[in-house]
């Protein structure tokens, strides 16, 4: 293990940080799906997953296991075990697996990581087995990136390549800040230093719902939003209310067409996806304070989200 600590200390300068990262490895697995004959995935034949909660749940990226005929996992120690798809949520591209044998669970970080904070990505890049790359947190609460219907990403420059999807983005003390999800690239599906991990808060929310209820029901606000200002115009970035459906939470809160939503709780709203992301992270029932600009005047509106669908 001494050799492992020396190697990992290049990622986190302290011996304690290297030890914590070394302790993360048993919680991360390679995911080995068996595909139907008509599915070819030469660039990403395998994926990654992370054991959470009591170790009986592995969270991974849905696109890794979607359409798989069967699923196996490979532990950091080289054991290959069967696993069952236990739940999925297409809106966030997350899925949970139930392993045959519980694994050591990873601890989840609380709160947002700081910009510039050192982090490491642990995943099964290109199916080579678990590997570690390190960098910093480049951004938080990234939404509207175009990957999933609901997004709340931690952005990092730690190298992420195909096969690492579903892996762990961890802090120096070995806590999960995100689940590796997507690579921002234009022409090639390889790392260019702009990579995204689903925030630990959203991972926890979705995984618990899938484990306990078998599905995730996302709240419907009854609002149709567009980005402000209009293309080619200047002004304050916000989510503009275009339509309010009667009987839904948005209408009950008193929102009106033309309102500019500029903040939700402590979160700055620059586009509609930001509000969707802020709502997705709430445990319901919940009340979300919205800072709204109406006719040039700021006011606070309380958006109440019940436990049910509406």
C-alpha atoms as a PDB file:
ATOM      1  CA  UNK A   1       0.000   0.000   0.000  1.00  0.00           C
ATOM      2  CA  UNK A   2       2.936   2.337   0.493  1.00  0.00           C
ATOM      3  CA  UNK A   3       3.472   2.475  -3.244  1.00  0.00           C
ATOM      4  CA  UNK A   4      -0.173   3.375  -3.763  1.00  0.00           C
ATOM      5  CA  UNK A   5       0.076   6.190  -1.254  1.00  0.00           C
ATOM      6  CA  UNK A   6       3.155   7.607  -2.945  1.00  0.00           C
ATOM      7  CA  UNK A   7       1.423   7.499  -6.314  1.00  0.00           C
ATOM      8  CA  UNK A   8      -1.782   9.064  -5.103  1.00  0.00           C
ATOM      9  CA  UNK A   9       0.035  11.797  -3.210  1.00  0.00           C
ATOM     10  CA  UNK A  10       0.707  13.427  -6.569  1.00  0.00           C
ATOM     11  CA  UNK A  11      -3.035  14.080  -6.742  1.00  0.00           C
ATOM     12  CA  UNK A  12      -3.451  15.354  -3.194  1.00  0.00           C
ATOM     13  CA  UNK A  13      -0.265  16.723  -1.652  1.00  0.00           C
ATOM     14  CA  UNK A  14      -0.882  15.516   1.909  1.00  0.00           C
ATOM     15  CA  UNK A  15      -0.373  11.925   3.034  1.00  0.00           C
ATOM     16  CA  UNK A  16      -3.807  12.090   4.686  1.00  0.00           C
ATOM     17  CA  UNK A  17      -5.354  13.115   1.366  1.00  0.00           C
ATOM     18  CA  UNK A  18      -3.650  10.280  -0.453  1.00  0.00           C
ATOM     19  CA  UNK A  19      -4.788   7.820   2.203  1.00  0.00           C
ATOM     20  CA  UNK A  20      -8.377   9.049   1.948  1.00  0.00           C
ATOM     21  CA  UNK A  21      -8.297   8.660  -1.824  1.00  0.00           C
ATOM     22  CA  UNK A  22      -6.855   5.177  -1.474  1.00  0.00           C
ATOM     23  CA  UNK A  23      -9.800   4.397   0.790  1.00  0.00           C
ATOM     24  CA  UNK A  24     -12.232   5.515  -1.927  1.00  0.00           C
ATOM     25  CA  UNK A  25     -11.191   2.788  -4.371  1.00  0.00           C
ATOM     26  CA  UNK A  26     -13.176  -0.069  -2.719  1.00  0.00           C
ATOM     27  CA  UNK A  27     -16.354   2.027  -3.142  1.00  0.00           C
ATOM     28  CA  UNK A  28     -15.908   2.483  -6.897  1.00  0.00           C
ATOM     29  CA  UNK A  29     -16.568  -0.361  -9.333  1.00  0.00           C
ATOM     30  CA  UNK A  30     -16.260  -1.017 -13.023  1.00  0.00           C
ATOM     31  CA  UNK A  31     -19.655  -1.697 -14.580  1.00  0.00           C
ATOM     32  CA  UNK A  32     -19.689  -4.449 -17.206  1.00  0.00           C
ATOM     33  CA  UNK A  33     -22.937  -4.536 -19.184  1.00  0.00           C
ATOM     34  CA  UNK A  34     -23.786  -7.241 -21.683  1.00  0.00           C
ATOM     35  CA  UNK A  35     -25.259  -5.591 -24.765  1.00  0.00           C
ATOM     36  CA  UNK A  36     -27.796  -6.883 -27.279  1.00  0.00           C
ATOM     37  CA  UNK A  37     -26.249  -7.982 -30.608  1.00  0.00           C
ATOM     38  CA  UNK A  38     -27.432  -4.791 -32.356  1.00  0.00           C
ATOM     39  CA  UNK A  39     -25.665  -2.454 -29.893  1.00  0.00           C
ATOM     40  CA  UNK A  40     -22.056  -1.502 -30.597  1.00  0.00           C
ATOM     41  CA  UNK A  41     -20.176   0.614 -28.063  1.00  0.00           C
ATOM     42  CA  UNK A  42     -16.545   0.488 -29.132  1.00  0.00           C
ATOM     43  CA  UNK A  43     -15.667   3.782 -27.406  1.00  0.00           C
ATOM     44  CA  UNK A  44     -17.411   2.998 -24.106  1.00  0.00           C
ATOM     45  CA  UNK A  45     -17.811  -0.774 -23.733  1.00  0.00           C
ATOM     46  CA  UNK A  46     -17.722  -0.503 -19.934  1.00  0.00           C
ATOM     47  CA  UNK A  47     -18.586   2.071 -17.305  1.00  0.00           C
ATOM     48  CA  UNK A  48     -18.246   2.878 -13.634  1.00  0.00           C
ATOM     49  CA  UNK A  49     -20.371   2.980 -10.501  1.00  0.00           C
ATOM     50  CA  UNK A  50     -20.168   4.084  -6.868  1.00  0.00           C
ATOM     51  CA  UNK A  51     -21.488   2.321  -3.772  1.00  0.00           C
ATOM     52  CA  UNK A  52     -23.574   4.631  -1.564  1.00  0.00           C
ATOM     53  CA  UNK A  53     -25.758   4.559   1.575  1.00  0.00           C
ATOM     54  CA  UNK A  54     -25.363   1.123   3.181  1.00  0.00           C
ATOM     55  CA  UNK A  55     -23.328  -0.343   0.314  1.00  0.00           C
ATOM     56  CA  UNK A  56     -26.313  -2.241  -1.088  1.00  0.00           C
ATOM     57  CA  UNK A  57     -26.907   0.457  -3.707  1.00  0.00           C
ATOM     58  CA  UNK A  58     -24.570   1.358  -6.555  1.00  0.00           C
ATOM     59  CA  UNK A  59     -25.337   4.548  -8.428  1.00  0.00           C
ATOM     60  CA  UNK A  60     -24.199   4.846 -12.042  1.00  0.00           C
ATOM     61  CA  UNK A  61     -24.970   6.679 -15.276  1.00  0.00           C
ATOM     62  CA  UNK A  62     -28.075   5.322 -16.987  1.00  0.00           C
ATOM     63  CA  UNK A  63     -26.499   5.506 -20.437  1.00  0.00           C
ATOM     64  CA  UNK A  64     -23.980   2.900 -19.252  1.00  0.00           C
ATOM     65  CA  UNK A  65     -26.595   0.222 -18.502  1.00  0.00           C
ATOM     66  CA  UNK A  66     -29.566   1.246 -20.632  1.00  0.00           C
ATOM     67  CA  UNK A  67     -30.608  -1.685 -22.865  1.00  0.00           C
ATOM     68  CA  UNK A  68     -28.121  -4.021 -21.178  1.00  0.00           C
ATOM     69  CA  UNK A  69     -29.196  -7.679 -21.142  1.00  0.00           C
ATOM     70  CA  UNK A  70     -27.311  -8.297 -17.915  1.00  0.00           C
ATOM     71  CA  UNK A  71     -24.883  -6.420 -15.684  1.00  0.00           C
ATOM     72  CA  UNK A  72     -21.785  -7.415 -13.790  1.00  0.00           C
ATOM     73  CA  UNK A  73     -19.485  -5.290 -11.651  1.00  0.00           C
ATOM     74  CA  UNK A  74     -15.752  -5.574 -11.092  1.00  0.00           C
ATOM     75  CA  UNK A  75     -14.396  -4.415  -7.753  1.00  0.00           C
ATOM     76  CA  UNK A  76     -11.057  -2.717  -7.179  1.00  0.00           C
ATOM     77  CA  UNK A  77      -9.833  -6.057  -5.789  1.00  0.00           C
ATOM     78  CA  UNK A  78     -10.700  -7.843  -9.028  1.00  0.00           C
ATOM     79  CA  UNK A  79     -13.863  -9.665  -7.958  1.00  0.00           C
ATOM     80  CA  UNK A  80     -16.548  -9.912 -10.646  1.00  0.00           C
ATOM     81  CA  UNK A  81     -20.068  -9.988  -9.232  1.00  0.00           C
ATOM     82  CA  UNK A  82     -23.582  -9.913 -10.687  1.00  0.00           C
ATOM     83  CA  UNK A  83     -25.713  -6.822 -10.227  1.00  0.00           C
ATOM     84  CA  UNK A  84     -29.344  -6.020 -10.964  1.00  0.00           C
ATOM     85  CA  UNK A  85     -30.763  -2.810 -12.422  1.00  0.00           C
ATOM     86  CA  UNK A  86     -32.947  -1.641  -9.520  1.00  0.00           C
ATOM     87  CA  UNK A  87     -34.163   1.718 -10.778  1.00  0.00           C
ATOM     88  CA  UNK A  88     -33.602   4.440 -13.343  1.00  0.00           C
ATOM     89  CA  UNK A  89     -34.384   8.082 -13.991  1.00  0.00           C
ATOM     90  CA  UNK A  90     -34.053   9.308 -17.565  1.00  0.00           C
ATOM     91  CA  UNK A  91     -34.382  12.976 -16.659  1.00  0.00           C
ATOM     92  CA  UNK A  92     -31.046  12.923 -14.826  1.00  0.00           C
ATOM     93  CA  UNK A  93     -29.411   9.950 -16.630  1.00  0.00           C
ATOM     94  CA  UNK A  94     -28.999   8.174 -13.299  1.00  0.00           C
ATOM     95  CA  UNK A  95     -29.588   4.541 -12.391  1.00  0.00           C
ATOM     96  CA  UNK A  96     -29.083   2.357  -9.351  1.00  0.00           C
ATOM     97  CA  UNK A  97     -27.802  -1.201  -9.268  1.00  0.00           C
ATOM     98  CA  UNK A  98     -28.272  -3.807  -6.578  1.00  0.00           C
ATOM     99  CA  UNK A  99     -25.078  -5.859  -6.130  1.00  0.00           C
ATOM    100  CA  UNK A 100     -25.049  -9.439  -4.964  1.00  0.00           C
ATOM    101  CA  UNK A 101     -22.702  -8.488  -2.119  1.00  0.00           C
ATOM    102  CA  UNK A 102     -22.699  -5.132  -0.279  1.00  0.00           C
ATOM    103  CA  UNK A 103     -19.658  -2.940  -0.860  1.00  0.00           C
ATOM    104  CA  UNK A 104     -17.989  -0.282   1.297  1.00  0.00           C
ATOM    105  CA  UNK A 105     -20.090   2.867   0.736  1.00  0.00           C
ATOM    106  CA  UNK A 106     -18.573   6.251  -0.021  1.00  0.00           C
ATOM    107  CA  UNK A 107     -19.353   9.251   2.171  1.00  0.00           C
ATOM    108  CA  UNK A 108     -21.298  12.070   0.499  1.00  0.00           C
ATOM    109  CA  UNK A 109     -20.056  15.641   0.734  1.00  0.00           C
ATOM    110  CA  UNK A 110     -22.446  18.256   2.118  1.00  0.00           C
ATOM    111  CA  UNK A 111     -22.780  21.656   0.541  1.00  0.00           C
ATOM    112  CA  UNK A 112     -21.203  22.956  -2.640  1.00  0.00           C
ATOM    113  CA  UNK A 113     -17.493  22.485  -3.275  1.00  0.00           C
ATOM    114  CA  UNK A 114     -15.446  25.664  -3.565  1.00  0.00           C
ATOM    115  CA  UNK A 115     -14.181  26.933  -6.894  1.00  0.00           C
ATOM    116  CA  UNK A 116     -10.563  25.882  -7.305  1.00  0.00           C
ATOM    117  CA  UNK A 117     -10.917  23.140  -4.685  1.00  0.00           C
ATOM    118  CA  UNK A 118      -8.753  20.095  -5.490  1.00  0.00           C
ATOM    119  CA  UNK A 119     -10.745  17.030  -6.583  1.00  0.00           C
ATOM    120  CA  UNK A 120      -9.957  13.671  -8.131  1.00  0.00           C
ATOM    121  CA  UNK A 121     -11.946  11.573 -10.594  1.00  0.00           C
ATOM    122  CA  UNK A 122     -11.972   7.812 -10.054  1.00  0.00           C
ATOM    123  CA  UNK A 123     -13.357   5.722 -12.887  1.00  0.00           C
ATOM    124  CA  UNK A 124     -12.909   2.945 -15.410  1.00  0.00           C
ATOM    125  CA  UNK A 125     -11.640   5.040 -18.331  1.00  0.00           C
ATOM    126  CA  UNK A 126     -11.750   3.149 -21.664  1.00  0.00           C
ATOM    127  CA  UNK A 127     -12.372  -0.080 -19.733  1.00  0.00           C
ATOM    128  CA  UNK A 128      -8.767  -0.162 -18.517  1.00  0.00           C
ATOM    129  CA  UNK A 129      -9.773  -0.587 -14.879  1.00  0.00           C
ATOM    130  CA  UNK A 130     -10.028   2.013 -12.156  1.00  0.00           C
ATOM    131  CA  UNK A 131      -7.725   4.969 -12.594  1.00  0.00           C
ATOM    132  CA  UNK A 132      -7.323   8.309 -10.875  1.00  0.00           C
ATOM    133  CA  UNK A 133      -7.001  11.764 -12.438  1.00  0.00           C
ATOM    134  CA  UNK A 134      -6.958  15.010 -10.522  1.00  0.00           C
ATOM    135  CA  UNK A 135      -7.735  18.669 -11.003  1.00  0.00           C
ATOM    136  CA  UNK A 136      -9.913  21.331  -9.449  1.00  0.00           C
ATOM    137  CA  UNK A 137     -13.553  22.341  -9.277  1.00  0.00           C
ATOM    138  CA  UNK A 138     -14.096  24.663 -12.238  1.00  0.00           C
ATOM    139  CA  UNK A 139     -17.765  25.467 -11.637  1.00  0.00           C
ATOM    140  CA  UNK A 140     -20.860  24.457  -9.692  1.00  0.00           C
ATOM    141  CA  UNK A 141     -24.560  24.296 -10.497  1.00  0.00           C
ATOM    142  CA  UNK A 142     -23.990  23.986 -14.226  1.00  0.00           C
ATOM    143  CA  UNK A 143     -27.344  23.449 -15.916  1.00  0.00           C
ATOM    144  CA  UNK A 144     -28.708  23.669 -19.424  1.00  0.00           C
ATOM    145  CA  UNK A 145     -25.621  21.972 -20.881  1.00  0.00           C
ATOM    146  CA  UNK A 146     -27.809  19.901 -23.165  1.00  0.00           C
ATOM    147  CA  UNK A 147     -27.000  16.441 -21.822  1.00  0.00           C
ATOM    148  CA  UNK A 148     -30.034  15.742 -19.607  1.00  0.00           C
ATOM    149  CA  UNK A 149     -33.481  17.199 -19.018  1.00  0.00           C
ATOM    150  CA  UNK A 150     -32.517  17.957 -15.405  1.00  0.00           C
ATOM    151  CA  UNK A 151     -28.921  18.957 -14.699  1.00  0.00           C
ATOM    152  CA  UNK A 152     -26.975  20.108 -11.650  1.00  0.00           C
ATOM    153  CA  UNK A 153     -23.340  19.568 -12.550  1.00  0.00           C
ATOM    154  CA  UNK A 154     -20.042  20.143 -10.821  1.00  0.00           C
ATOM    155  CA  UNK A 155     -17.557  21.110 -13.531  1.00  0.00           C
ATOM    156  CA  UNK A 156     -13.957  19.938 -13.263  1.00  0.00           C
ATOM    157  CA  UNK A 157     -10.788  19.906 -15.322  1.00  0.00           C
ATOM    158  CA  UNK A 158      -9.815  16.493 -13.931  1.00  0.00           C
ATOM    159  CA  UNK A 159      -9.443  14.259 -16.983  1.00  0.00           C
ATOM    160  CA  UNK A 160     -12.569  12.201 -17.715  1.00  0.00           C
ATOM    161  CA  UNK A 161     -12.757   9.808 -20.649  1.00  0.00           C
ATOM    162  CA  UNK A 162     -15.274   7.252 -21.970  1.00  0.00           C
ATOM    163  CA  UNK A 163     -15.826   4.465 -19.453  1.00  0.00           C
ATOM    164  CA  UNK A 164     -15.401   6.789 -16.474  1.00  0.00           C
ATOM    165  CA  UNK A 165     -19.107   7.730 -16.591  1.00  0.00           C
ATOM    166  CA  UNK A 166     -20.683   6.726 -13.285  1.00  0.00           C
ATOM    167  CA  UNK A 167     -17.399   7.111 -11.447  1.00  0.00           C
ATOM    168  CA  UNK A 168     -16.617   9.271  -8.430  1.00  0.00           C
ATOM    169  CA  UNK A 169     -15.476  12.876  -8.187  1.00  0.00           C
ATOM    170  CA  UNK A 170     -14.061  13.151  -4.687  1.00  0.00           C
ATOM    171  CA  UNK A 171     -12.534  15.714  -2.352  1.00  0.00           C
ATOM    172  CA  UNK A 172      -9.246  15.468  -0.481  1.00  0.00           C
ATOM    173  CA  UNK A 173     -11.003  13.841   2.472  1.00  0.00           C
ATOM    174  CA  UNK A 174     -12.496  11.159   0.217  1.00  0.00           C
ATOM    175  CA  UNK A 175     -16.075  12.434   0.049  1.00  0.00           C
ATOM    176  CA  UNK A 176     -18.211  12.289  -3.072  1.00  0.00           C
ATOM    177  CA  UNK A 177     -18.988  15.698  -4.598  1.00  0.00           C
ATOM    178  CA  UNK A 178     -20.297  14.331  -7.881  1.00  0.00           C
ATOM    179  CA  UNK A 179     -20.937  11.347 -10.120  1.00  0.00           C
ATOM    180  CA  UNK A 180     -18.973  11.535 -13.369  1.00  0.00           C
ATOM    181  CA  UNK A 181     -21.421  12.034 -16.192  1.00  0.00           C
ATOM    182  CA  UNK A 182     -20.407  13.952 -19.298  1.00  0.00           C
ATOM    183  CA  UNK A 183     -17.542  15.325 -21.355  1.00  0.00           C
ATOM    184  CA  UNK A 184     -17.990  18.686 -23.030  1.00  0.00           C
ATOM    185  CA  UNK A 185     -16.517  18.147 -26.472  1.00  0.00           C
ATOM    186  CA  UNK A 186     -17.310  19.063 -30.041  1.00  0.00           C
ATOM    187  CA  UNK A 187     -15.674  16.577 -32.383  1.00  0.00           C
ATOM    188  CA  UNK A 188     -14.177  13.765 -30.333  1.00  0.00           C
ATOM    189  CA  UNK A 189     -15.466  11.878 -27.318  1.00  0.00           C
ATOM    190  CA  UNK A 190     -12.335  12.444 -25.253  1.00  0.00           C
ATOM    191  CA  UNK A 191     -11.235  14.694 -22.439  1.00  0.00           C
ATOM    192  CA  UNK A 192     -10.525  18.352 -23.205  1.00  0.00           C
ATOM    193  CA  UNK A 193     -10.582  19.583 -19.605  1.00  0.00           C
ATOM    194  CA  UNK A 194     -14.261  20.542 -19.368  1.00  0.00           C
ATOM    195  CA  UNK A 195     -16.034  17.669 -17.659  1.00  0.00           C
ATOM    196  CA  UNK A 196     -19.201  17.345 -15.620  1.00  0.00           C
ATOM    197  CA  UNK A 197     -20.307  15.316 -12.611  1.00  0.00           C
ATOM    198  CA  UNK A 198     -23.858  15.190 -11.274  1.00  0.00           C
ATOM    199  CA  UNK A 199     -23.796  16.969  -7.919  1.00  0.00           C
ATOM    200  CA  UNK A 200     -23.785  14.786  -4.824  1.00  0.00           C
ATOM    201  CA  UNK A 201     -27.010  16.458  -3.651  1.00  0.00           C
ATOM    202  CA  UNK A 202     -28.878  15.485  -6.809  1.00  0.00           C
ATOM    203  CA  UNK A 203     -27.337  11.996  -6.814  1.00  0.00           C
ATOM    204  CA  UNK A 204     -28.504  11.460  -3.243  1.00  0.00           C
ATOM    205  CA  UNK A 205     -31.994  12.774  -3.971  1.00  0.00           C
ATOM    206  CA  UNK A 206     -32.493  10.557  -7.027  1.00  0.00           C
ATOM    207  CA  UNK A 207     -30.858   7.441  -5.600  1.00  0.00           C
ATOM    208  CA  UNK A 208     -32.945   7.561  -2.430  1.00  0.00           C
ATOM    209  CA  UNK A 209     -36.180   7.950  -4.378  1.00  0.00           C
ATOM    210  CA  UNK A 210     -35.274   5.088  -6.696  1.00  0.00           C
ATOM    211  CA  UNK A 211     -34.266   2.866  -3.790  1.00  0.00           C
ATOM    212  CA  UNK A 212     -37.293   3.629  -1.626  1.00  0.00           C
ATOM    213  CA  UNK A 213     -40.049   4.248  -4.198  1.00  0.00           C
ATOM    214  CA  UNK A 214     -38.756   2.770  -7.444  1.00  0.00           C
ATOM    215  CA  UNK A 215     -39.135   6.021  -9.388  1.00  0.00           C
ATOM    216  CA  UNK A 216     -38.668   9.765  -9.199  1.00  0.00           C
ATOM    217  CA  UNK A 217     -41.627  12.111  -9.669  1.00  0.00           C
ATOM    218  CA  UNK A 218     -40.410  15.580 -10.538  1.00  0.00           C
ATOM    219  CA  UNK A 219     -42.522  18.596  -9.516  1.00  0.00           C
ATOM    220  CA  UNK A 220     -44.569  20.393 -12.148  1.00  0.00           C
ATOM    221  CA  UNK A 221     -44.683  24.158 -11.554  1.00  0.00           C
ATOM    222  CA  UNK A 222     -47.045  25.008 -14.400  1.00  0.00           C
ATOM    223  CA  UNK A 223     -44.577  27.627 -15.639  1.00  0.00           C
ATOM    224  CA  UNK A 224     -43.297  27.990 -19.175  1.00  0.00           C
ATOM    225  CA  UNK A 225     -40.011  29.854 -19.060  1.00  0.00           C
ATOM    226  CA  UNK A 226     -37.715  31.412 -21.637  1.00  0.00           C
ATOM    227  CA  UNK A 227     -34.271  32.941 -21.357  1.00  0.00           C
ATOM    228  CA  UNK A 228     -33.936  36.677 -20.844  1.00  0.00           C
ATOM    229  CA  UNK A 229     -32.840  38.963 -22.371  1.00  0.00           C
ATOM    230  CA  UNK A 230     -33.898  38.001 -25.885  1.00  0.00           C
ATOM    231  CA  UNK A 231     -31.150  37.027 -28.298  1.00  0.00           C
ATOM    232  CA  UNK A 232     -29.235  40.072 -29.468  1.00  0.00           C
ATOM    233  CA  UNK A 233     -30.579  42.230 -26.631  1.00  0.00           C
ATOM    234  CA  UNK A 234     -28.917  43.534 -23.483  1.00  0.00           C
ATOM    235  CA  UNK A 235     -30.183  43.371 -19.940  1.00  0.00           C
ATOM    236  CA  UNK A 236     -30.232  41.252 -16.800  1.00  0.00           C
ATOM    237  CA  UNK A 237     -29.959  37.507 -17.365  1.00  0.00           C
ATOM    238  CA  UNK A 238     -32.937  35.681 -15.905  1.00  0.00           C
ATOM    239  CA  UNK A 239     -35.700  33.162 -16.552  1.00  0.00           C
ATOM    240  CA  UNK A 240     -38.699  35.015 -17.967  1.00  0.00           C
ATOM    241  CA  UNK A 241     -42.170  33.645 -17.290  1.00  0.00           C
ATOM    242  CA  UNK A 242     -43.981  33.243 -20.596  1.00  0.00           C
ATOM    243  CA  UNK A 243     -46.991  31.191 -19.486  1.00  0.00           C
ATOM    244  CA  UNK A 244     -48.607  30.344 -16.139  1.00  0.00           C
ATOM    245  CA  UNK A 245     -51.005  27.389 -16.018  1.00  0.00           C
ATOM    246  CA  UNK A 246     -53.927  27.767 -13.644  1.00  0.00           C
ATOM    247  CA  UNK A 247     -54.078  25.456 -10.639  1.00  0.00           C
ATOM    248  CA  UNK A 248     -50.348  24.718 -10.528  1.00  0.00           C
ATOM    249  CA  UNK A 249     -47.801  25.958  -7.931  1.00  0.00           C
ATOM    250  CA  UNK A 250     -46.610  28.843 -10.116  1.00  0.00           C
ATOM    251  CA  UNK A 251     -50.106  30.277 -10.434  1.00  0.00           C
ATOM    252  CA  UNK A 252     -50.865  29.686  -6.750  1.00  0.00           C
ATOM    253  CA  UNK A 253     -47.697  31.621  -5.855  1.00  0.00           C
ATOM    254  CA  UNK A 254     -48.872  34.595  -7.884  1.00  0.00           C
ATOM    255  CA  UNK A 255     -46.315  34.498 -10.706  1.00  0.00           C
ATOM    256  CA  UNK A 256     -47.366  36.284 -13.892  1.00  0.00           C
ATOM    257  CA  UNK A 257     -46.263  36.306 -17.543  1.00  0.00           C
ATOM    258  CA  UNK A 258     -43.399  38.756 -17.962  1.00  0.00           C
ATOM    259  CA  UNK A 259     -41.942  38.186 -14.504  1.00  0.00           C
ATOM    260  CA  UNK A 260     -38.161  37.819 -14.443  1.00  0.00           C
ATOM    261  CA  UNK A 261     -36.951  35.206 -11.970  1.00  0.00           C
ATOM    262  CA  UNK A 262     -33.429  36.233 -10.985  1.00  0.00           C
ATOM    263  CA  UNK A 263     -32.839  34.203  -7.834  1.00  0.00           C
ATOM    264  CA  UNK A 264     -34.175  31.015  -6.241  1.00  0.00           C
ATOM    265  CA  UNK A 265     -33.155  30.792  -2.615  1.00  0.00           C
ATOM    266  CA  UNK A 266     -29.431  31.542  -2.580  1.00  0.00           C
ATOM    267  CA  UNK A 267     -28.996  30.500  -6.197  1.00  0.00           C
ATOM    268  CA  UNK A 268     -28.628  32.981  -9.045  1.00  0.00           C
ATOM    269  CA  UNK A 269     -30.972  32.231 -11.964  1.00  0.00           C
ATOM    270  CA  UNK A 270     -29.560  33.074 -15.382  1.00  0.00           C
ATOM    271  CA  UNK A 271     -31.697  30.783 -17.542  1.00  0.00           C
ATOM    272  CA  UNK A 272     -34.700  28.456 -17.214  1.00  0.00           C
ATOM    273  CA  UNK A 273     -32.524  25.382 -16.615  1.00  0.00           C
ATOM    274  CA  UNK A 274     -31.150  27.004 -13.459  1.00  0.00           C
ATOM    275  CA  UNK A 275     -34.609  27.135 -11.894  1.00  0.00           C
ATOM    276  CA  UNK A 276     -35.337  23.544 -12.941  1.00  0.00           C
ATOM    277  CA  UNK A 277     -32.091  22.484 -11.294  1.00  0.00           C
ATOM    278  CA  UNK A 278     -32.779  24.436  -8.101  1.00  0.00           C
ATOM    279  CA  UNK A 279     -36.208  22.845  -7.759  1.00  0.00           C
ATOM    280  CA  UNK A 280     -34.869  19.354  -8.490  1.00  0.00           C
ATOM    281  CA  UNK A 281     -32.546  19.524  -5.507  1.00  0.00           C
ATOM    282  CA  UNK A 282     -35.306  20.189  -2.994  1.00  0.00           C
ATOM    283  CA  UNK A 283     -36.800  17.620  -0.659  1.00  0.00           C
ATOM    284  CA  UNK A 284     -40.555  18.061  -0.931  1.00  0.00           C
ATOM    285  CA  UNK A 285     -42.779  19.444   0.369  1.00  0.00           C
ATOM    286  CA  UNK A 286     -40.777  22.645   0.187  1.00  0.00           C
ATOM    287  CA  UNK A 287     -41.103  26.399  -0.130  1.00  0.00           C
ATOM    288  CA  UNK A 288     -38.662  28.150  -2.438  1.00  0.00           C
ATOM    289  CA  UNK A 289     -38.183  31.896  -2.190  1.00  0.00           C
ATOM    290  CA  UNK A 290     -37.986  33.488  -5.636  1.00  0.00           C
ATOM    291  CA  UNK A 291     -36.599  36.948  -6.245  1.00  0.00           C
ATOM    292  CA  UNK A 292     -38.692  38.300  -9.102  1.00  0.00           C
ATOM    293  CA  UNK A 293     -38.470  41.511 -11.101  1.00  0.00           C
ATOM    294  CA  UNK A 294     -41.927  42.719 -12.159  1.00  0.00           C
ATOM    295  CA  UNK A 295     -42.351  46.019 -13.973  1.00  0.00           C
ATOM    296  CA  UNK A 296     -38.843  47.014 -12.928  1.00  0.00           C
ATOM    297  CA  UNK A 297     -39.414  46.352  -9.222  1.00  0.00           C
ATOM    298  CA  UNK A 298     -37.945  43.464  -7.220  1.00  0.00           C
ATOM    299  CA  UNK A 299     -40.218  41.400  -5.021  1.00  0.00           C
ATOM    300  CA  UNK A 300     -40.066  38.048  -3.247  1.00  0.00           C
ATOM    301  CA  UNK A 301     -42.552  35.332  -4.137  1.00  0.00           C
ATOM    302  CA  UNK A 302     -42.865  32.064  -2.215  1.00  0.00           C
ATOM    303  CA  UNK A 303     -43.217  29.039  -4.494  1.00  0.00           C
ATOM    304  CA  UNK A 304     -44.725  26.127  -2.558  1.00  0.00           C
ATOM    305  CA  UNK A 305     -43.970  22.652  -3.884  1.00  0.00           C
ATOM    306  CA  UNK A 306     -46.185  19.922  -2.415  1.00  0.00           C
ATOM    307  CA  UNK A 307     -45.072  16.358  -1.882  1.00  0.00           C
ATOM    308  CA  UNK A 308     -47.089  15.098  -4.859  1.00  0.00           C
ATOM    309  CA  UNK A 309     -46.692  15.693  -8.567  1.00  0.00           C
ATOM    310  CA  UNK A 310     -48.038  19.279  -8.526  1.00  0.00           C
END
